[in-house]
Amino acid sequence: MSTSIASTSSGTASSVAGGTGTADPLASLTSNFSTFLTLLTTQLQNQDPSNPMDSSQFTSELVQFTGVEAQINTNSSLTQLIQLTQAGTAMQSAQLIGKQVDVTSSQLPLQNGSATIDFTAPTAEPVTVTVSDTSGTALYQTTIAAAQGANSFTWQGEAASGATMPDGLYAVSVTAGSGGAALPFSVRGTVTGVNGSGTTPQIEIGPLSVGVSALTAVN
């Protein structure tokens, strides 16, 4: 009888600890623990007096249930802490609405016919900026004389054909010289909203949506 209780309760405790998809693991644990106590009481009442059961077995099971309960409570507390942290981050991010920010992104948001790129050149040299559409077709390309250190370039939405491109997202690249090494850059735009519905709040810069971790500067 003791072997039956040990194996049954061990499987129950392991199942709860592993998180098998139970909606309320703590309620499930309470129910399983009540079943375990009922079985234990029945076994104690019907044990052979001349060969009593080993108390270390059910003591071990009681300790195991207690450990699982502590683990569930800890997980619940961590979940609440994460939710509070995410809410706080979303509230702080909301204060950015209407401000110009720099974010790390390979996509350039054209807002009100203007888009700005900030980059750092290791030396004073020609730098080529290429703006493409979503299919990768180059729309605009220019080479500027960059100074050593911080530089910025503003695209006014003009295509090489002379057409004015509509506001939206465009791919952008910055290279040293003509077809040289790629330079790291950030894109600048005005924050139009904050989306906190996901696990990580998203900053919306017109059509561009990036996580708060992509934020590099507030202008």
N, C-alpha and C. Protein backbone atom coordinates (compact mmCIF):
# COMPACT_ATOMS: atom_id res chain seq x y z
N MET A 1 0.83 -1.21 0.00
CA MET A 1 0.00 0.00 0.00
C MET A 1 0.86 1.26 0.00
N SER A 2 1.93 1.24 0.78
CA SER A 2 2.78 2.42 0.86
C SER A 2 3.42 2.75 -0.47
N THR A 3 3.80 1.70 -1.22
CA THR A 3 4.40 1.94 -2.53
C THR A 3 3.42 2.61 -3.46
N SER A 4 2.15 2.24 -3.37
CA SER A 4 1.12 2.82 -4.23
C SER A 4 0.95 4.29 -3.96
N ILE A 5 0.92 4.67 -2.68
CA ILE A 5 0.78 6.08 -2.33
C ILE A 5 1.99 6.87 -2.78
N ALA A 6 3.16 6.32 -2.56
CA ALA A 6 4.38 7.04 -2.92
C ALA A 6 4.45 7.32 -4.41
N SER A 7 4.15 6.29 -5.23
CA SER A 7 4.25 6.47 -6.67
C SER A 7 3.16 7.39 -7.18
N THR A 8 1.94 7.28 -6.61
CA THR A 8 0.83 8.12 -7.05
C THR A 8 1.07 9.58 -6.72
N SER A 9 1.47 9.85 -5.49
CA SER A 9 1.66 11.24 -5.08
C SER A 9 2.90 11.85 -5.73
N SER A 10 3.94 11.03 -5.96
CA SER A 10 5.12 11.55 -6.64
C SER A 10 4.77 12.00 -8.04
N GLY A 11 3.98 11.18 -8.75
CA GLY A 11 3.58 11.55 -10.10
C GLY A 11 2.73 12.79 -10.10
N THR A 12 1.85 12.93 -9.10
CA THR A 12 0.98 14.10 -9.02
C THR A 12 1.80 15.36 -8.77
N ALA A 13 2.72 15.29 -7.80
CA ALA A 13 3.53 16.46 -7.48
C ALA A 13 4.40 16.85 -8.65
N SER A 14 4.99 15.87 -9.34
CA SER A 14 5.84 16.17 -10.49
C SER A 14 5.05 16.80 -11.60
N SER A 15 3.82 16.32 -11.81
CA SER A 15 2.97 16.87 -12.87
C SER A 15 2.64 18.32 -12.61
N VAL A 16 2.31 18.64 -11.35
CA VAL A 16 1.98 20.02 -11.01
C VAL A 16 3.21 20.90 -11.11
N ALA A 17 4.34 20.40 -10.64
CA ALA A 17 5.56 21.21 -10.68
C ALA A 17 5.99 21.49 -12.10
N GLY A 18 5.74 20.55 -13.02
CA GLY A 18 6.16 20.73 -14.40
C GLY A 18 5.27 21.63 -15.18
N GLY A 19 4.07 21.97 -14.66
CA GLY A 19 3.18 22.88 -15.38
C GLY A 19 2.57 22.21 -16.57
N THR A 20 1.56 21.35 -16.37
CA THR A 20 0.98 20.58 -17.46
C THR A 20 -0.18 21.31 -18.12
N GLY A 21 -0.28 22.60 -17.90
CA GLY A 21 -1.34 23.35 -18.56
C GLY A 21 -2.56 23.54 -17.70
N THR A 22 -2.50 23.19 -16.38
CA THR A 22 -3.63 23.38 -15.49
C THR A 22 -3.91 24.86 -15.35
N ALA A 23 -5.20 25.23 -15.40
CA ALA A 23 -5.56 26.64 -15.34
C ALA A 23 -5.15 27.25 -14.00
N ASP A 24 -5.38 26.53 -12.90
CA ASP A 24 -5.02 27.01 -11.58
C ASP A 24 -4.20 25.94 -10.88
N PRO A 25 -2.86 25.98 -11.02
CA PRO A 25 -2.02 24.93 -10.46
C PRO A 25 -2.13 24.82 -8.94
N LEU A 26 -2.34 25.95 -8.25
CA LEU A 26 -2.43 25.91 -6.80
C LEU A 26 -3.70 25.18 -6.36
N ALA A 27 -4.81 25.41 -7.07
CA ALA A 27 -6.06 24.71 -6.75
C ALA A 27 -5.92 23.22 -7.04
N SER A 28 -5.23 22.90 -8.14
CA SER A 28 -5.00 21.50 -8.49
C SER A 28 -4.15 20.81 -7.43
N LEU A 29 -3.12 21.52 -6.95
CA LEU A 29 -2.26 20.96 -5.92
C LEU A 29 -3.05 20.70 -4.64
N THR A 30 -3.93 21.64 -4.27
CA THR A 30 -4.75 21.47 -3.06
C THR A 30 -5.63 20.24 -3.17
N SER A 31 -6.24 20.04 -4.35
CA SER A 31 -7.10 18.87 -4.57
C SER A 31 -6.29 17.59 -4.49
N ASN A 32 -5.13 17.58 -5.13
CA ASN A 32 -4.28 16.39 -5.11
C ASN A 32 -3.76 16.10 -3.71
N PHE A 33 -3.47 17.15 -2.96
CA PHE A 33 -2.97 16.97 -1.60
C PHE A 33 -4.06 16.36 -0.71
N SER A 34 -5.31 16.80 -0.92
CA SER A 34 -6.42 16.24 -0.14
C SER A 34 -6.59 14.76 -0.45
N THR A 35 -6.44 14.41 -1.74
CA THR A 35 -6.53 12.99 -2.12
C THR A 35 -5.41 12.20 -1.48
N PHE A 36 -4.22 12.79 -1.46
CA PHE A 36 -3.07 12.11 -0.85
C PHE A 36 -3.32 11.86 0.63
N LEU A 37 -3.86 12.85 1.35
CA LEU A 37 -4.12 12.69 2.78
C LEU A 37 -5.18 11.62 3.02
N THR A 38 -6.19 11.57 2.13
CA THR A 38 -7.23 10.54 2.28
C THR A 38 -6.62 9.15 2.12
N LEU A 39 -5.78 8.98 1.10
CA LEU A 39 -5.12 7.70 0.90
C LEU A 39 -4.21 7.35 2.06
N LEU A 40 -3.48 8.34 2.57
CA LEU A 40 -2.57 8.11 3.68
C LEU A 40 -3.33 7.68 4.93
N THR A 41 -4.45 8.39 5.20
CA THR A 41 -5.25 8.05 6.38
C THR A 41 -5.81 6.64 6.27
N THR A 42 -6.28 6.29 5.08
CA THR A 42 -6.80 4.94 4.86
C THR A 42 -5.72 3.89 5.07
N GLN A 43 -4.54 4.18 4.57
CA GLN A 43 -3.44 3.23 4.72
C GLN A 43 -3.06 3.06 6.19
N LEU A 44 -3.01 4.17 6.93
CA LEU A 44 -2.66 4.08 8.35
C LEU A 44 -3.70 3.28 9.14
N GLN A 45 -4.96 3.45 8.76
CA GLN A 45 -6.04 2.73 9.46
C GLN A 45 -6.01 1.23 9.18
N ASN A 46 -5.50 0.86 8.00
CA ASN A 46 -5.55 -0.54 7.58
C ASN A 46 -4.18 -1.21 7.53
N GLN A 47 -3.18 -0.57 8.10
CA GLN A 47 -1.86 -1.17 8.05
C GLN A 47 -1.77 -2.36 9.01
N ASP A 48 -0.81 -3.21 8.75
CA ASP A 48 -0.55 -4.37 9.59
C ASP A 48 0.18 -3.93 10.84
N PRO A 49 -0.42 -4.06 12.02
CA PRO A 49 0.23 -3.60 13.26
C PRO A 49 1.59 -4.25 13.48
N SER A 50 1.73 -5.49 13.00
CA SER A 50 3.00 -6.18 13.19
C SER A 50 4.07 -5.73 12.19
N ASN A 51 3.63 -5.03 11.16
CA ASN A 51 4.56 -4.54 10.14
C ASN A 51 4.12 -3.14 9.69
N PRO A 52 4.24 -2.14 10.57
CA PRO A 52 3.75 -0.79 10.24
C PRO A 52 4.52 -0.19 9.07
N MET A 53 3.83 0.70 8.38
CA MET A 53 4.46 1.33 7.23
C MET A 53 5.60 2.25 7.64
N ASP A 54 6.50 2.46 6.71
CA ASP A 54 7.66 3.31 6.95
C ASP A 54 7.23 4.77 6.90
N SER A 55 7.34 5.46 8.01
CA SER A 55 6.87 6.86 8.07
C SER A 55 7.69 7.78 7.19
N SER A 56 8.91 7.38 6.85
CA SER A 56 9.75 8.25 6.03
C SER A 56 9.19 8.42 4.63
N GLN A 57 8.38 7.47 4.17
CA GLN A 57 7.81 7.56 2.82
C GLN A 57 6.81 8.69 2.72
N PHE A 58 5.79 8.67 3.62
CA PHE A 58 4.79 9.73 3.49
C PHE A 58 5.32 11.07 3.98
N THR A 59 6.34 11.05 4.88
CA THR A 59 6.97 12.31 5.28
C THR A 59 7.65 12.98 4.09
N SER A 60 8.32 12.14 3.28
CA SER A 60 8.96 12.64 2.08
C SER A 60 7.96 13.24 1.12
N GLU A 61 6.77 12.60 1.02
CA GLU A 61 5.72 13.11 0.12
C GLU A 61 5.18 14.44 0.62
N LEU A 62 5.02 14.58 1.93
CA LEU A 62 4.54 15.85 2.48
C LEU A 62 5.52 16.98 2.17
N VAL A 63 6.81 16.69 2.30
CA VAL A 63 7.84 17.68 2.00
C VAL A 63 7.80 18.05 0.52
N GLN A 64 7.56 17.05 -0.34
CA GLN A 64 7.52 17.30 -1.77
C GLN A 64 6.34 18.20 -2.13
N PHE A 65 5.18 17.96 -1.56
CA PHE A 65 4.01 18.81 -1.82
C PHE A 65 4.27 20.23 -1.36
N THR A 66 4.92 20.38 -0.19
CA THR A 66 5.22 21.71 0.32
C THR A 66 6.16 22.46 -0.61
N GLY A 67 7.15 21.74 -1.16
CA GLY A 67 8.09 22.36 -2.09
C GLY A 67 7.41 22.82 -3.37
N VAL A 68 6.48 22.01 -3.89
CA VAL A 68 5.75 22.38 -5.11
C VAL A 68 4.89 23.60 -4.85
N GLU A 69 4.24 23.66 -3.68
CA GLU A 69 3.41 24.81 -3.34
C GLU A 69 4.24 26.09 -3.31
N ALA A 70 5.44 26.00 -2.72
CA ALA A 70 6.32 27.17 -2.65
C ALA A 70 6.75 27.61 -4.05
N GLN A 71 7.01 26.62 -4.92
CA GLN A 71 7.41 26.95 -6.29
C GLN A 71 6.29 27.65 -7.05
N ILE A 72 5.06 27.17 -6.88
CA ILE A 72 3.91 27.79 -7.56
C ILE A 72 3.72 29.21 -7.08
N ASN A 73 3.82 29.43 -5.76
CA ASN A 73 3.66 30.78 -5.21
C ASN A 73 4.75 31.72 -5.72
N THR A 74 5.99 31.20 -5.84
CA THR A 74 7.09 32.01 -6.35
C THR A 74 6.84 32.40 -7.80
N ASN A 75 6.40 31.44 -8.63
CA ASN A 75 6.10 31.73 -10.04
C ASN A 75 5.01 32.77 -10.17
N SER A 76 3.99 32.67 -9.30
CA SER A 76 2.88 33.63 -9.34
C SER A 76 3.38 35.04 -9.00
N SER A 77 4.25 35.12 -7.99
CA SER A 77 4.80 36.43 -7.60
C SER A 77 5.66 37.02 -8.71
N LEU A 78 6.46 36.19 -9.37
CA LEU A 78 7.30 36.67 -10.47
C LEU A 78 6.45 37.18 -11.63
N THR A 79 5.35 36.47 -11.91
CA THR A 79 4.45 36.90 -12.99
C THR A 79 3.88 38.27 -12.69
N GLN A 80 3.45 38.49 -11.45
CA GLN A 80 2.90 39.79 -11.06
C GLN A 80 3.96 40.88 -11.16
N LEU A 81 5.20 40.55 -10.76
CA LEU A 81 6.28 41.53 -10.83
C LEU A 81 6.58 41.92 -12.27
N ILE A 82 6.58 40.92 -13.17
CA ILE A 82 6.82 41.20 -14.59
C ILE A 82 5.72 42.09 -15.15
N GLN A 83 4.47 41.80 -14.78
CA GLN A 83 3.35 42.60 -15.27
C GLN A 83 3.45 44.04 -14.80
N LEU A 84 3.84 44.23 -13.53
CA LEU A 84 3.98 45.59 -13.00
C LEU A 84 5.13 46.33 -13.70
N THR A 85 6.22 45.62 -13.97
CA THR A 85 7.35 46.23 -14.66
C THR A 85 6.97 46.65 -16.07
N GLN A 86 6.23 45.77 -16.77
CA GLN A 86 5.80 46.10 -18.13
C GLN A 86 4.87 47.30 -18.13
N ALA A 87 3.96 47.37 -17.15
CA ALA A 87 3.03 48.50 -17.06
C ALA A 87 3.80 49.80 -16.81
N GLY A 88 4.81 49.73 -15.92
CA GLY A 88 5.61 50.92 -15.63
C GLY A 88 6.38 51.38 -16.85
N THR A 89 6.94 50.43 -17.60
CA THR A 89 7.68 50.78 -18.81
C THR A 89 6.77 51.42 -19.84
N ALA A 90 5.57 50.88 -19.98
CA ALA A 90 4.62 51.44 -20.94
C ALA A 90 4.23 52.87 -20.57
N MET A 91 4.03 53.13 -19.26
CA MET A 91 3.67 54.48 -18.82
C MET A 91 4.81 55.46 -19.07
N GLN A 92 6.05 55.02 -18.81
CA GLN A 92 7.19 55.89 -19.07
C GLN A 92 7.35 56.16 -20.57
N SER A 93 7.11 55.13 -21.37
CA SER A 93 7.24 55.30 -22.82
C SER A 93 6.19 56.26 -23.37
N ALA A 94 5.02 56.28 -22.73
CA ALA A 94 3.94 57.16 -23.20
C ALA A 94 4.34 58.63 -23.12
N GLN A 95 5.30 58.94 -22.23
CA GLN A 95 5.75 60.33 -22.11
C GLN A 95 6.57 60.78 -23.33
N LEU A 96 6.94 59.82 -24.18
CA LEU A 96 7.73 60.15 -25.37
C LEU A 96 6.86 60.65 -26.53
N ILE A 97 5.55 60.46 -26.44
CA ILE A 97 4.67 60.83 -27.54
C ILE A 97 4.82 62.33 -27.86
N GLY A 98 5.06 62.61 -29.14
CA GLY A 98 5.24 63.98 -29.58
C GLY A 98 6.68 64.43 -29.59
N LYS A 99 7.60 63.59 -29.05
CA LYS A 99 9.01 63.96 -29.02
C LYS A 99 9.77 63.27 -30.14
N GLN A 100 10.87 63.89 -30.54
CA GLN A 100 11.73 63.27 -31.54
C GLN A 100 12.72 62.33 -30.85
N VAL A 101 12.85 61.14 -31.42
CA VAL A 101 13.74 60.14 -30.83
C VAL A 101 14.60 59.51 -31.92
N ASP A 102 15.69 58.93 -31.51
CA ASP A 102 16.53 58.12 -32.39
C ASP A 102 16.35 56.66 -31.98
N VAL A 103 16.16 55.79 -32.96
CA VAL A 103 16.03 54.37 -32.69
C VAL A 103 16.88 53.59 -33.68
N THR A 104 17.32 52.43 -33.26
CA THR A 104 18.07 51.55 -34.16
C THR A 104 17.09 50.77 -35.01
N SER A 105 17.16 50.98 -36.32
CA SER A 105 16.27 50.29 -37.26
C SER A 105 16.83 50.42 -38.66
N SER A 106 16.62 49.38 -39.46
CA SER A 106 17.03 49.45 -40.87
C SER A 106 15.92 50.04 -41.73
N GLN A 107 14.79 50.35 -41.10
CA GLN A 107 13.67 50.97 -41.82
C GLN A 107 13.58 52.44 -41.47
N LEU A 108 13.33 53.24 -42.47
CA LEU A 108 13.28 54.69 -42.31
C LEU A 108 11.84 55.17 -42.40
N PRO A 109 11.31 55.80 -41.34
CA PRO A 109 9.94 56.30 -41.40
C PRO A 109 9.91 57.71 -42.01
N LEU A 110 9.21 57.84 -43.12
CA LEU A 110 9.03 59.15 -43.74
C LEU A 110 7.76 59.76 -43.15
N GLN A 111 7.94 60.86 -42.39
CA GLN A 111 6.82 61.53 -41.73
C GLN A 111 6.73 62.96 -42.23
N ASN A 112 5.55 63.32 -42.71
CA ASN A 112 5.34 64.68 -43.22
C ASN A 112 6.41 65.06 -44.25
N GLY A 113 6.78 64.08 -45.09
CA GLY A 113 7.71 64.33 -46.17
C GLY A 113 9.15 64.50 -45.75
N SER A 114 9.51 64.03 -44.54
CA SER A 114 10.88 64.21 -44.08
C SER A 114 11.31 63.01 -43.24
N ALA A 115 12.58 62.61 -43.38
CA ALA A 115 13.13 61.51 -42.59
C ALA A 115 14.61 61.77 -42.36
N THR A 116 15.08 61.55 -41.14
CA THR A 116 16.46 61.87 -40.79
C THR A 116 17.21 60.63 -40.32
N ILE A 117 18.47 60.54 -40.73
CA ILE A 117 19.36 59.45 -40.35
C ILE A 117 20.53 60.05 -39.57
N ASP A 118 20.90 59.43 -38.47
CA ASP A 118 22.08 59.84 -37.71
C ASP A 118 23.09 58.71 -37.77
N PHE A 119 24.34 59.04 -38.08
CA PHE A 119 25.38 58.01 -38.16
C PHE A 119 26.72 58.60 -37.70
N THR A 120 27.64 57.70 -37.43
CA THR A 120 28.98 58.11 -36.99
C THR A 120 30.01 57.60 -37.99
N ALA A 121 30.82 58.51 -38.50
CA ALA A 121 31.87 58.15 -39.45
C ALA A 121 33.21 58.05 -38.71
N PRO A 122 33.95 56.97 -38.91
CA PRO A 122 35.23 56.83 -38.21
C PRO A 122 36.27 57.86 -38.66
N THR A 123 36.15 58.30 -39.90
CA THR A 123 37.05 59.33 -40.44
C THR A 123 36.26 60.27 -41.34
N ALA A 124 36.83 61.39 -41.69
CA ALA A 124 36.20 62.28 -42.66
C ALA A 124 36.30 61.63 -44.03
N GLU A 125 35.18 61.28 -44.60
CA GLU A 125 35.18 60.55 -45.86
C GLU A 125 33.82 60.65 -46.54
N PRO A 126 33.74 60.34 -47.83
CA PRO A 126 32.44 60.32 -48.51
C PRO A 126 31.59 59.16 -47.98
N VAL A 127 30.35 59.42 -47.77
CA VAL A 127 29.41 58.40 -47.28
C VAL A 127 28.20 58.37 -48.20
N THR A 128 27.79 57.15 -48.59
CA THR A 128 26.66 56.99 -49.49
C THR A 128 25.43 56.55 -48.72
N VAL A 129 24.34 57.26 -48.92
CA VAL A 129 23.05 56.92 -48.30
C VAL A 129 22.11 56.45 -49.41
N THR A 130 21.54 55.26 -49.22
CA THR A 130 20.62 54.70 -50.21
C THR A 130 19.28 54.42 -49.56
N VAL A 131 18.22 54.92 -50.19
CA VAL A 131 16.86 54.67 -49.72
C VAL A 131 16.15 53.80 -50.75
N SER A 132 15.55 52.70 -50.30
CA SER A 132 14.88 51.76 -51.20
C SER A 132 13.44 51.54 -50.76
N ASP A 133 12.64 51.00 -51.67
CA ASP A 133 11.27 50.65 -51.29
C ASP A 133 11.28 49.28 -50.63
N THR A 134 10.10 48.79 -50.25
CA THR A 134 10.01 47.53 -49.51
C THR A 134 10.45 46.33 -50.34
N SER A 135 10.47 46.46 -51.65
CA SER A 135 10.90 45.35 -52.51
C SER A 135 12.40 45.38 -52.76
N GLY A 136 13.09 46.41 -52.26
CA GLY A 136 14.53 46.49 -52.42
C GLY A 136 14.98 47.34 -53.59
N THR A 137 14.06 47.94 -54.31
CA THR A 137 14.41 48.80 -55.45
C THR A 137 14.87 50.16 -54.95
N ALA A 138 16.07 50.56 -55.36
CA ALA A 138 16.61 51.84 -54.90
C ALA A 138 15.78 53.00 -55.47
N LEU A 139 15.37 53.90 -54.60
CA LEU A 139 14.59 55.06 -54.99
C LEU A 139 15.44 56.32 -55.02
N TYR A 140 16.39 56.38 -54.10
CA TYR A 140 17.18 57.60 -53.96
C TYR A 140 18.56 57.22 -53.43
N GLN A 141 19.59 57.85 -53.98
CA GLN A 141 20.94 57.61 -53.51
C GLN A 141 21.75 58.89 -53.62
N THR A 142 22.52 59.17 -52.59
CA THR A 142 23.36 60.36 -52.61
C THR A 142 24.64 60.09 -51.84
N THR A 143 25.69 60.80 -52.20
CA THR A 143 26.96 60.70 -51.49
C THR A 143 27.26 62.05 -50.85
N ILE A 144 27.52 62.03 -49.57
CA ILE A 144 27.77 63.26 -48.83
C ILE A 144 29.18 63.21 -48.22
N ALA A 145 29.73 64.37 -47.98
CA ALA A 145 31.06 64.46 -47.36
C ALA A 145 30.86 64.46 -45.86
N ALA A 146 31.06 63.31 -45.25
CA ALA A 146 30.83 63.18 -43.81
C ALA A 146 32.07 63.64 -43.03
N ALA A 147 31.79 64.26 -41.90
CA ALA A 147 32.88 64.64 -41.00
C ALA A 147 33.18 63.48 -40.06
N GLN A 148 34.36 63.49 -39.51
CA GLN A 148 34.68 62.45 -38.53
C GLN A 148 33.81 62.62 -37.29
N GLY A 149 33.17 61.54 -36.88
CA GLY A 149 32.29 61.61 -35.71
C GLY A 149 30.82 61.61 -36.11
N ALA A 150 30.00 62.33 -35.34
CA ALA A 150 28.55 62.32 -35.54
C ALA A 150 28.15 63.10 -36.78
N ASN A 151 27.23 62.53 -37.56
CA ASN A 151 26.68 63.17 -38.76
C ASN A 151 25.18 62.88 -38.84
N SER A 152 24.49 63.69 -39.59
CA SER A 152 23.07 63.45 -39.84
C SER A 152 22.73 63.81 -41.27
N PHE A 153 21.72 63.15 -41.79
CA PHE A 153 21.28 63.42 -43.15
C PHE A 153 19.76 63.35 -43.18
N THR A 154 19.13 64.31 -43.84
CA THR A 154 17.66 64.34 -43.93
C THR A 154 17.22 64.12 -45.36
N TRP A 155 16.36 63.14 -45.53
CA TRP A 155 15.78 62.84 -46.85
C TRP A 155 14.41 63.51 -46.92
N GLN A 156 14.19 64.26 -47.99
CA GLN A 156 12.93 65.01 -48.14
C GLN A 156 11.88 64.24 -48.94
N GLY A 157 12.08 62.95 -49.07
CA GLY A 157 11.07 62.14 -49.76
C GLY A 157 11.13 62.19 -51.27
N GLU A 158 12.24 62.70 -51.81
CA GLU A 158 12.36 62.81 -53.27
C GLU A 158 13.00 61.54 -53.84
N ALA A 159 12.42 61.00 -54.90
CA ALA A 159 13.00 59.85 -55.60
C ALA A 159 13.93 60.36 -56.70
N ALA A 160 14.78 59.48 -57.19
CA ALA A 160 15.72 59.87 -58.25
C ALA A 160 14.99 60.33 -59.50
N SER A 161 13.77 59.83 -59.68
CA SER A 161 12.97 60.21 -60.85
C SER A 161 12.38 61.61 -60.71
N GLY A 162 12.48 62.16 -59.51
CA GLY A 162 11.90 63.48 -59.27
C GLY A 162 10.55 63.41 -58.60
N ALA A 163 9.99 62.20 -58.50
CA ALA A 163 8.69 62.04 -57.85
C ALA A 163 8.82 62.20 -56.34
N THR A 164 7.74 62.66 -55.73
CA THR A 164 7.70 62.80 -54.27
C THR A 164 7.05 61.54 -53.69
N MET A 165 7.77 60.85 -52.84
CA MET A 165 7.28 59.60 -52.26
C MET A 165 6.33 59.88 -51.10
N PRO A 166 5.32 59.05 -50.95
CA PRO A 166 4.37 59.24 -49.85
C PRO A 166 4.97 58.83 -48.50
N ASP A 167 4.41 59.36 -47.44
CA ASP A 167 4.85 58.95 -46.11
C ASP A 167 4.70 57.44 -45.96
N GLY A 168 5.65 56.84 -45.26
CA GLY A 168 5.61 55.39 -45.07
C GLY A 168 6.97 54.88 -44.66
N LEU A 169 7.15 53.57 -44.74
CA LEU A 169 8.41 52.94 -44.37
C LEU A 169 9.26 52.66 -45.60
N TYR A 170 10.56 52.94 -45.47
CA TYR A 170 11.51 52.70 -46.55
C TYR A 170 12.76 52.05 -45.96
N ALA A 171 13.41 51.22 -46.77
CA ALA A 171 14.67 50.62 -46.34
C ALA A 171 15.78 51.63 -46.57
N VAL A 172 16.78 51.61 -45.70
CA VAL A 172 17.88 52.56 -45.82
C VAL A 172 19.19 51.88 -45.47
N SER A 173 20.26 52.32 -46.12
CA SER A 173 21.60 51.82 -45.81
C SER A 173 22.58 52.98 -45.87
N VAL A 174 23.63 52.88 -45.08
CA VAL A 174 24.66 53.91 -45.04
C VAL A 174 26.01 53.21 -45.20
N THR A 175 26.75 53.57 -46.23
CA THR A 175 28.04 52.92 -46.49
C THR A 175 29.13 53.96 -46.67
N ALA A 176 30.35 53.55 -46.32
CA ALA A 176 31.49 54.44 -46.49
C ALA A 176 31.90 54.44 -47.95
N GLY A 177 31.84 55.59 -48.58
CA GLY A 177 32.20 55.68 -50.00
C GLY A 177 31.15 55.01 -50.87
N SER A 178 31.56 54.63 -52.05
CA SER A 178 30.64 53.98 -52.99
C SER A 178 30.74 52.47 -52.84
N GLY A 179 29.75 51.86 -52.23
CA GLY A 179 29.74 50.42 -52.04
C GLY A 179 30.74 49.94 -51.02
N GLY A 180 31.15 50.82 -50.10
CA GLY A 180 32.13 50.45 -49.08
C GLY A 180 31.49 49.75 -47.89
N ALA A 181 32.19 49.77 -46.77
CA ALA A 181 31.72 49.10 -45.56
C ALA A 181 30.48 49.81 -45.01
N ALA A 182 29.57 49.01 -44.51
CA ALA A 182 28.35 49.57 -43.92
C ALA A 182 28.67 50.27 -42.61
N LEU A 183 28.05 51.40 -42.40
CA LEU A 183 28.23 52.16 -41.16
C LEU A 183 26.98 52.01 -40.30
N PRO A 184 27.15 51.88 -39.00
CA PRO A 184 25.98 51.81 -38.12
C PRO A 184 25.26 53.15 -38.09
N PHE A 185 23.95 53.09 -37.98
CA PHE A 185 23.17 54.33 -37.97
C PHE A 185 21.89 54.13 -37.17
N SER A 186 21.25 55.24 -36.88
CA SER A 186 19.93 55.22 -36.26
C SER A 186 19.02 56.13 -37.07
N VAL A 187 17.72 55.92 -36.94
CA VAL A 187 16.76 56.76 -37.66
C VAL A 187 16.03 57.63 -36.65
N ARG A 188 15.72 58.83 -37.09
CA ARG A 188 15.07 59.79 -36.20
C ARG A 188 13.64 60.06 -36.66
N GLY A 189 12.75 60.20 -35.70
CA GLY A 189 11.37 60.50 -36.04
C GLY A 189 10.59 60.94 -34.82
N THR A 190 9.37 61.34 -35.04
CA THR A 190 8.51 61.80 -33.96
C THR A 190 7.63 60.66 -33.47
N VAL A 191 7.63 60.43 -32.17
CA VAL A 191 6.82 59.35 -31.58
C VAL A 191 5.35 59.71 -31.68
N THR A 192 4.58 58.83 -32.29
CA THR A 192 3.15 59.08 -32.46
C THR A 192 2.28 58.21 -31.55
N GLY A 193 2.88 57.21 -30.91
CA GLY A 193 2.10 56.35 -30.03
C GLY A 193 2.98 55.32 -29.35
N VAL A 194 2.40 54.66 -28.35
CA VAL A 194 3.07 53.58 -27.62
C VAL A 194 2.08 52.43 -27.50
N ASN A 195 2.52 51.25 -27.88
CA ASN A 195 1.67 50.06 -27.81
C ASN A 195 2.21 49.15 -26.71
N GLY A 196 1.46 49.01 -25.64
CA GLY A 196 1.90 48.20 -24.51
C GLY A 196 1.17 46.89 -24.38
N SER A 197 0.52 46.42 -25.45
CA SER A 197 -0.29 45.20 -25.37
C SER A 197 0.55 43.93 -25.36
N GLY A 198 1.76 43.98 -25.89
CA GLY A 198 2.61 42.79 -25.94
C GLY A 198 3.49 42.65 -24.71
N THR A 199 4.43 41.72 -24.78
CA THR A 199 5.34 41.52 -23.66
C THR A 199 6.33 42.66 -23.52
N THR A 200 6.61 43.35 -24.64
CA THR A 200 7.53 44.49 -24.63
C THR A 200 6.83 45.69 -25.26
N PRO A 201 6.73 46.83 -24.55
CA PRO A 201 6.10 48.02 -25.13
C PRO A 201 6.77 48.41 -26.44
N GLN A 202 5.96 48.79 -27.41
CA GLN A 202 6.46 49.19 -28.72
C GLN A 202 6.28 50.69 -28.92
N ILE A 203 7.36 51.35 -29.36
CA ILE A 203 7.30 52.77 -29.68
C ILE A 203 6.91 52.90 -31.15
N GLU A 204 5.89 53.69 -31.42
CA GLU A 204 5.42 53.88 -32.79
C GLU A 204 5.88 55.24 -33.29
N ILE A 205 6.64 55.21 -34.37
CA ILE A 205 7.12 56.43 -35.03
C ILE A 205 6.48 56.45 -36.40
N GLY A 206 5.30 57.03 -36.48
CA GLY A 206 4.54 56.94 -37.73
C GLY A 206 4.29 55.49 -38.05
N PRO A 207 4.72 55.02 -39.22
CA PRO A 207 4.49 53.63 -39.61
C PRO A 207 5.49 52.64 -39.00
N LEU A 208 6.52 53.15 -38.32
CA LEU A 208 7.55 52.29 -37.75
C LEU A 208 7.22 51.93 -36.30
N SER A 209 7.33 50.65 -35.97
CA SER A 209 7.09 50.18 -34.61
C SER A 209 8.31 49.40 -34.14
N VAL A 210 8.93 49.84 -33.05
CA VAL A 210 10.13 49.19 -32.51
C VAL A 210 10.00 49.05 -31.01
N GLY A 211 10.72 48.08 -30.45
CA GLY A 211 10.72 47.90 -29.01
C GLY A 211 11.47 49.04 -28.33
N VAL A 212 11.17 49.24 -27.04
CA VAL A 212 11.82 50.34 -26.31
C VAL A 212 13.33 50.14 -26.23
N SER A 213 13.80 48.89 -26.37
CA SER A 213 15.23 48.63 -26.29
C SER A 213 15.97 49.22 -27.50
N ALA A 214 15.23 49.54 -28.58
CA ALA A 214 15.85 50.13 -29.77
C ALA A 214 16.09 51.62 -29.62
N LEU A 215 15.55 52.21 -28.56
CA LEU A 215 15.68 53.66 -28.34
C LEU A 215 17.13 54.00 -27.99
N THR A 216 17.71 54.95 -28.72
CA THR A 216 19.10 55.34 -28.46
C THR A 216 19.22 56.78 -27.98
N ALA A 217 18.24 57.63 -28.29
CA ALA A 217 18.33 59.03 -27.86
C ALA A 217 16.95 59.67 -27.95
N VAL A 218 16.74 60.65 -27.06
CA VAL A 218 15.54 61.48 -27.09
C VAL A 218 16.01 62.89 -27.38
N ASN A 219 15.54 63.47 -28.47
CA ASN A 219 16.01 64.78 -28.91
C ASN A 219 15.08 65.88 -28.40
